[in-house]
Amino acid sequence: MVDGFTLAATLVLATAGIPCAAGEPVSASPGVEDVRANDRETERRAFVVARARLSRPQELSVAAGGLFVRQPVDHDCATACYFRGLLVQVEPGLGGGQLSAGYAVVVGETLTTPQFIRAVHVGYAFKGALLRTWGDSGVEPPDSTWVGAESEFTIVKVNFSLGAFHRVSGEPTDDRWLLAGGIGWGF
């Protein structure tokens, strides 16, 4: 026996085109089919990126990371390619270390190494970052942890970065904010 609520709900769902036990399944809309076709024609890829830079407070540092993107299956990036996706980087330096993650857009080439973006023509990134200072970094207090945001811009392999960080650990001082910046080579 079917109660009134179940019958009404079945009629509403059937007239709205939503599949239910009482109705026929509805075929996918053209937009859904386009997304499915795009998923079949693309794949997820990971590329290695690297840079060296002089910056405040890390002084001399070297970064390595991964750029996780979605690209066409038949795409060969030995010549210029468009990359956009999640960027994750680790950057140890003489005055501190940084772990960052965010969104990046790059036009570059892998040249002869298929998983390493070697030639960055232009690119930018916006990242959240965790920064730990140590040694003689020129930051007070010397051994402290900072959380913030950083943006970077690269043109013909020359990298410029700027970030703002808020101190979350270390000895109490009046300096709760840190403006960081640098110039480097790579992405």
C-alpha atoms as a PDB file:
ATOM      1  CA  MET A   1       0.000   0.000   0.000  1.00  0.00           C
ATOM      2  CA  VAL A   2       1.318   3.444  -0.972  1.00  0.00           C
ATOM      3  CA  ASP A   3       0.623   6.381   1.318  1.00  0.00           C
ATOM      4  CA  GLY A   4      -0.252   9.835  -0.005  1.00  0.00           C
ATOM      5  CA  PHE A   5       3.156  11.390   0.708  1.00  0.00           C
ATOM      6  CA  THR A   6       5.094   8.708  -1.226  1.00  0.00           C
ATOM      7  CA  LEU A   7       2.718   8.996  -4.192  1.00  0.00           C
ATOM      8  CA  ALA A   8       2.997  12.818  -4.243  1.00  0.00           C
ATOM      9  CA  ALA A   9       6.800  12.720  -3.958  1.00  0.00           C
ATOM     10  CA  THR A  10       7.025  10.194  -6.831  1.00  0.00           C
ATOM     11  CA  LEU A  11       4.819  12.360  -9.046  1.00  0.00           C
ATOM     12  CA  VAL A  12       6.867  15.513  -8.305  1.00  0.00           C
ATOM     13  CA  LEU A  13      10.176  13.756  -9.004  1.00  0.00           C
ATOM     14  CA  ALA A  14       8.855  12.161 -12.195  1.00  0.00           C
ATOM     15  CA  THR A  15       7.533  15.447 -13.578  1.00  0.00           C
ATOM     16  CA  ALA A  16      10.766  17.240 -12.679  1.00  0.00           C
ATOM     17  CA  GLY A  17      12.751  14.704 -14.701  1.00  0.00           C
ATOM     18  CA  ILE A  18      14.598  13.337 -11.673  1.00  0.00           C
ATOM     19  CA  PRO A  19      15.076   9.568 -11.814  1.00  0.00           C
ATOM     20  CA  CYS A  20      13.349   7.583  -9.127  1.00  0.00           C
ATOM     21  CA  ALA A  21      12.122   4.022  -8.669  1.00  0.00           C
ATOM     22  CA  ALA A  22       8.800   4.826 -10.335  1.00  0.00           C
ATOM     23  CA  GLY A  23      10.168   6.717 -13.348  1.00  0.00           C
ATOM     24  CA  GLU A  24      12.518   6.136 -16.259  1.00  0.00           C
ATOM     25  CA  PRO A  25      16.150   7.312 -15.870  1.00  0.00           C
ATOM     26  CA  VAL A  26      16.801  10.677 -17.425  1.00  0.00           C
ATOM     27  CA  SER A  27      19.647  10.929 -19.945  1.00  0.00           C
ATOM     28  CA  ALA A  28      22.551  13.217 -19.126  1.00  0.00           C
ATOM     29  CA  SER A  29      22.270  16.814 -20.241  1.00  0.00           C
ATOM     30  CA  PRO A  30      24.585  18.151 -22.981  1.00  0.00           C
ATOM     31  CA  GLY A  31      26.685  20.009 -20.378  1.00  0.00           C
ATOM     32  CA  VAL A  32      27.323  16.810 -18.424  1.00  0.00           C
ATOM     33  CA  GLU A  33      28.294  14.996 -21.631  1.00  0.00           C
ATOM     34  CA  ASP A  34      30.782  17.784 -22.454  1.00  0.00           C
ATOM     35  CA  VAL A  35      32.389  17.420 -19.022  1.00  0.00           C
ATOM     36  CA  ARG A  36      32.610  13.634 -19.427  1.00  0.00           C
ATOM     37  CA  ALA A  37      34.182  14.004 -22.889  1.00  0.00           C
ATOM     38  CA  ASN A  38      36.683  16.520 -21.508  1.00  0.00           C
ATOM     39  CA  ASP A  39      37.579  14.103 -18.695  1.00  0.00           C
ATOM     40  CA  ARG A  40      38.258  11.348 -21.260  1.00  0.00           C
ATOM     41  CA  GLU A  41      40.498  13.660 -23.319  1.00  0.00           C
ATOM     42  CA  THR A  42      42.532  15.038 -20.384  1.00  0.00           C
ATOM     43  CA  GLU A  43      44.608  13.548 -17.600  1.00  0.00           C
ATOM     44  CA  ARG A  44      46.129  14.700 -14.342  1.00  0.00           C
ATOM     45  CA  ARG A  45      49.837  15.369 -14.464  1.00  0.00           C
ATOM     46  CA  ALA A  46      52.482  16.471 -11.996  1.00  0.00           C
ATOM     47  CA  PHE A  47      55.460  18.604 -12.975  1.00  0.00           C
ATOM     48  CA  VAL A  48      58.524  19.517 -10.930  1.00  0.00           C
ATOM     49  CA  VAL A  49      59.428  23.200 -10.575  1.00  0.00           C
ATOM     50  CA  ALA A  50      62.529  24.701  -8.944  1.00  0.00           C
ATOM     51  CA  ARG A  51      64.050  28.059  -8.117  1.00  0.00           C
ATOM     52  CA  ALA A  52      66.915  29.710  -6.268  1.00  0.00           C
ATOM     53  CA  ARG A  53      66.436  33.152  -4.719  1.00  0.00           C
ATOM     54  CA  LEU A  54      67.777  35.847  -2.463  1.00  0.00           C
ATOM     55  CA  SER A  55      65.090  37.044  -0.096  1.00  0.00           C
ATOM     56  CA  ARG A  56      64.305  38.506   3.257  1.00  0.00           C
ATOM     57  CA  PRO A  57      64.303  36.714   5.717  1.00  0.00           C
ATOM     58  CA  GLN A  58      65.462  33.436   4.157  1.00  0.00           C
ATOM     59  CA  GLU A  59      68.556  34.994   2.593  1.00  0.00           C
ATOM     60  CA  LEU A  60      69.832  32.456   0.018  1.00  0.00           C
ATOM     61  CA  SER A  61      67.329  29.639  -0.522  1.00  0.00           C
ATOM     62  CA  VAL A  62      66.468  26.875  -2.975  1.00  0.00           C
ATOM     63  CA  ALA A  63      62.880  25.762  -3.624  1.00  0.00           C
ATOM     64  CA  ALA A  64      61.553  22.566  -5.154  1.00  0.00           C
ATOM     65  CA  GLY A  65      57.950  21.709  -5.657  1.00  0.00           C
ATOM     66  CA  GLY A  66      55.208  20.156  -7.681  1.00  0.00           C
ATOM     67  CA  LEU A  67      52.689  21.729 -10.035  1.00  0.00           C
ATOM     68  CA  PHE A  68      49.595  19.523 -10.326  1.00  0.00           C
ATOM     69  CA  VAL A  69      47.575  20.213 -13.489  1.00  0.00           C
ATOM     70  CA  ARG A  70      45.043  18.710 -15.867  1.00  0.00           C
ATOM     71  CA  GLN A  71      46.124  18.602 -19.532  1.00  0.00           C
ATOM     72  CA  PRO A  72      45.095  16.934 -22.789  1.00  0.00           C
ATOM     73  CA  VAL A  73      46.285  13.326 -23.038  1.00  0.00           C
ATOM     74  CA  ASP A  74      48.196  13.916 -26.298  1.00  0.00           C
ATOM     75  CA  HIS A  75      49.871  17.160 -25.137  1.00  0.00           C
ATOM     76  CA  ASP A  76      53.674  17.260 -25.424  1.00  0.00           C
ATOM     77  CA  CYS A  77      55.161  20.187 -23.514  1.00  0.00           C
ATOM     78  CA  ALA A  78      58.618  20.126 -25.089  1.00  0.00           C
ATOM     79  CA  THR A  79      57.489  23.413 -26.640  1.00  0.00           C
ATOM     80  CA  ALA A  80      55.466  26.133 -24.891  1.00  0.00           C
ATOM     81  CA  CYS A  81      52.548  24.849 -22.812  1.00  0.00           C
ATOM     82  CA  TYR A  82      49.957  26.448 -20.583  1.00  0.00           C
ATOM     83  CA  PHE A  83      49.943  25.002 -17.044  1.00  0.00           C
ATOM     84  CA  ARG A  84      47.533  25.952 -14.266  1.00  0.00           C
ATOM     85  CA  GLY A  85      46.791  24.198 -11.019  1.00  0.00           C
ATOM     86  CA  LEU A  86      47.935  23.480  -7.486  1.00  0.00           C
ATOM     87  CA  LEU A  87      51.508  24.461  -6.629  1.00  0.00           C
ATOM     88  CA  VAL A  88      53.194  22.978  -3.540  1.00  0.00           C
ATOM     89  CA  GLN A  89      56.754  24.077  -2.633  1.00  0.00           C
ATOM     90  CA  VAL A  90      59.382  23.428   0.035  1.00  0.00           C
ATOM     91  CA  GLU A  91      62.117  26.064   0.342  1.00  0.00           C
ATOM     92  CA  PRO A  92      65.001  25.708   2.816  1.00  0.00           C
ATOM     93  CA  GLY A  93      67.383  28.645   3.143  1.00  0.00           C
ATOM     94  CA  LEU A  94      70.208  30.025   5.252  1.00  0.00           C
ATOM     95  CA  GLY A  95      67.907  32.268   7.326  1.00  0.00           C
ATOM     96  CA  GLY A  96      64.754  30.153   7.355  1.00  0.00           C
ATOM     97  CA  GLY A  97      62.561  27.621   5.626  1.00  0.00           C
ATOM     98  CA  GLN A  98      59.170  27.873   3.993  1.00  0.00           C
ATOM     99  CA  LEU A  99      56.376  25.460   3.066  1.00  0.00           C
ATOM    100  CA  SER A 100      53.745  26.886   0.711  1.00  0.00           C
ATOM    101  CA  ALA A 101      50.734  25.830  -1.347  1.00  0.00           C
ATOM    102  CA  GLY A 102      48.478  27.731  -3.723  1.00  0.00           C
ATOM    103  CA  TYR A 103      47.307  28.350  -7.273  1.00  0.00           C
ATOM    104  CA  ALA A 104      49.772  28.878 -10.132  1.00  0.00           C
ATOM    105  CA  VAL A 105      49.582  29.689 -13.842  1.00  0.00           C
ATOM    106  CA  VAL A 106      52.673  29.116 -15.984  1.00  0.00           C
ATOM    107  CA  VAL A 107      53.560  29.289 -19.661  1.00  0.00           C
ATOM    108  CA  GLY A 108      56.679  27.219 -20.028  1.00  0.00           C
ATOM    109  CA  GLU A 109      58.461  24.266 -21.592  1.00  0.00           C
ATOM    110  CA  THR A 110      59.767  20.940 -20.356  1.00  0.00           C
ATOM    111  CA  LEU A 111      62.296  20.798 -23.215  1.00  0.00           C
ATOM    112  CA  THR A 112      63.929  17.334 -23.033  1.00  0.00           C
ATOM    113  CA  THR A 113      62.725  16.358 -19.528  1.00  0.00           C
ATOM    114  CA  PRO A 114      59.000  15.557 -19.673  1.00  0.00           C
ATOM    115  CA  GLN A 115      58.170  16.010 -15.952  1.00  0.00           C
ATOM    116  CA  PHE A 116      60.351  19.061 -15.150  1.00  0.00           C
ATOM    117  CA  ILE A 117      59.336  22.572 -16.244  1.00  0.00           C
ATOM    118  CA  ARG A 118      62.724  23.967 -17.198  1.00  0.00           C
ATOM    119  CA  ALA A 119      61.934  27.090 -19.201  1.00  0.00           C
ATOM    120  CA  VAL A 120      59.357  29.404 -17.622  1.00  0.00           C
ATOM    121  CA  HIS A 121      58.438  32.213 -20.001  1.00  0.00           C
ATOM    122  CA  VAL A 122      55.849  33.833 -17.750  1.00  0.00           C
ATOM    123  CA  GLY A 123      54.034  32.691 -14.630  1.00  0.00           C
ATOM    124  CA  TYR A 124      52.383  33.785 -11.417  1.00  0.00           C
ATOM    125  CA  ALA A 125      51.264  32.156  -8.188  1.00  0.00           C
ATOM    126  CA  PHE A 126      49.261  33.045  -5.084  1.00  0.00           C
ATOM    127  CA  LYS A 127      50.120  30.880  -2.082  1.00  0.00           C
ATOM    128  CA  GLY A 128      49.525  30.444   1.606  1.00  0.00           C
ATOM    129  CA  ALA A 129      52.809  29.860   3.424  1.00  0.00           C
ATOM    130  CA  LEU A 130      54.324  28.709   6.699  1.00  0.00           C
ATOM    131  CA  LEU A 131      57.717  30.325   7.363  1.00  0.00           C
ATOM    132  CA  ARG A 132      60.198  29.356  10.086  1.00  0.00           C
ATOM    133  CA  THR A 133      63.215  31.599  10.701  1.00  0.00           C
ATOM    134  CA  TRP A 134      66.510  30.501  12.230  1.00  0.00           C
ATOM    135  CA  GLY A 135      70.081  31.618  12.655  1.00  0.00           C
ATOM    136  CA  ASP A 136      71.002  35.193  11.828  1.00  0.00           C
ATOM    137  CA  SER A 137      68.057  35.993   9.537  1.00  0.00           C
ATOM    138  CA  GLY A 138      67.724  39.585  10.748  1.00  0.00           C
ATOM    139  CA  VAL A 139      64.179  38.944  12.024  1.00  0.00           C
ATOM    140  CA  GLU A 140      63.242  39.515  15.660  1.00  0.00           C
ATOM    141  CA  PRO A 141      62.828  37.175  17.451  1.00  0.00           C
ATOM    142  CA  PRO A 142      65.401  35.046  15.596  1.00  0.00           C
ATOM    143  CA  ASP A 143      63.741  31.612  15.916  1.00  0.00           C
ATOM    144  CA  SER A 144      60.062  32.176  15.178  1.00  0.00           C
ATOM    145  CA  THR A 145      57.209  30.824  13.096  1.00  0.00           C
ATOM    146  CA  TRP A 146      55.135  32.946  10.724  1.00  0.00           C
ATOM    147  CA  VAL A 147      51.953  32.278   8.729  1.00  0.00           C
ATOM    148  CA  GLY A 148      50.969  34.360   5.726  1.00  0.00           C
ATOM    149  CA  ALA A 149      50.431  34.774   2.026  1.00  0.00           C
ATOM    150  CA  GLU A 150      52.910  35.171  -0.795  1.00  0.00           C
ATOM    151  CA  SER A 151      52.598  36.067  -4.446  1.00  0.00           C
ATOM    152  CA  GLU A 152      55.210  35.554  -7.087  1.00  0.00           C
ATOM    153  CA  PHE A 153      55.686  36.561 -10.685  1.00  0.00           C
ATOM    154  CA  THR A 154      58.191  35.096 -13.138  1.00  0.00           C
ATOM    155  CA  ILE A 155      59.129  36.492 -16.513  1.00  0.00           C
ATOM    156  CA  VAL A 156      61.809  34.785 -18.626  1.00  0.00           C
ATOM    157  CA  LYS A 157      62.986  32.743 -15.614  1.00  0.00           C
ATOM    158  CA  VAL A 158      63.497  35.817 -13.367  1.00  0.00           C
ATOM    159  CA  ASN A 159      61.294  35.419 -10.286  1.00  0.00           C
ATOM    160  CA  PHE A 160      59.964  38.218  -8.051  1.00  0.00           C
ATOM    161  CA  SER A 161      58.142  37.434  -4.804  1.00  0.00           C
ATOM    162  CA  LEU A 162      56.341  39.443  -2.146  1.00  0.00           C
ATOM    163  CA  GLY A 163      54.637  38.193   1.004  1.00  0.00           C
ATOM    164  CA  ALA A 164      53.088  39.312   4.281  1.00  0.00           C
ATOM    165  CA  PHE A 165      53.395  37.101   7.359  1.00  0.00           C
ATOM    166  CA  HIS A 166      51.984  37.188  10.899  1.00  0.00           C
ATOM    167  CA  ARG A 167      54.075  35.781  13.744  1.00  0.00           C
ATOM    168  CA  VAL A 168      52.462  32.822  15.535  1.00  0.00           C
ATOM    169  CA  SER A 169      55.362  31.719  17.784  1.00  0.00           C
ATOM    170  CA  GLY A 170      58.556  33.027  19.298  1.00  0.00           C
ATOM    171  CA  GLU A 171      59.416  35.412  22.100  1.00  0.00           C
ATOM    172  CA  PRO A 172      56.993  38.323  22.570  1.00  0.00           C
ATOM    173  CA  THR A 173      58.058  41.478  20.711  1.00  0.00           C
ATOM    174  CA  ASP A 174      56.329  44.403  19.083  1.00  0.00           C
ATOM    175  CA  ASP A 175      57.034  42.976  15.614  1.00  0.00           C
ATOM    176  CA  ARG A 176      53.957  40.844  14.855  1.00  0.00           C
ATOM    177  CA  TRP A 177      54.050  41.335  11.065  1.00  0.00           C
ATOM    178  CA  LEU A 178      56.796  40.645   8.549  1.00  0.00           C
ATOM    179  CA  LEU A 179      56.971  41.871   4.973  1.00  0.00           C
ATOM    180  CA  ALA A 180      59.050  39.440   2.908  1.00  0.00           C
ATOM    181  CA  GLY A 181      60.342  39.780  -0.616  1.00  0.00           C
ATOM    182  CA  GLY A 182      62.928  38.380  -2.954  1.00  0.00           C
ATOM    183  CA  ILE A 183      64.339  37.924  -6.418  1.00  0.00           C
ATOM    184  CA  GLY A 184      65.435  34.657  -7.930  1.00  0.00           C
ATOM    185  CA  TRP A 185      65.878  32.362 -10.898  1.00  0.00           C
ATOM    186  CA  GLY A 186      63.220  29.761 -11.832  1.00  0.00           C
ATOM    187  CA  PHE A 187      59.687  29.279 -10.573  1.00  0.00           C
END
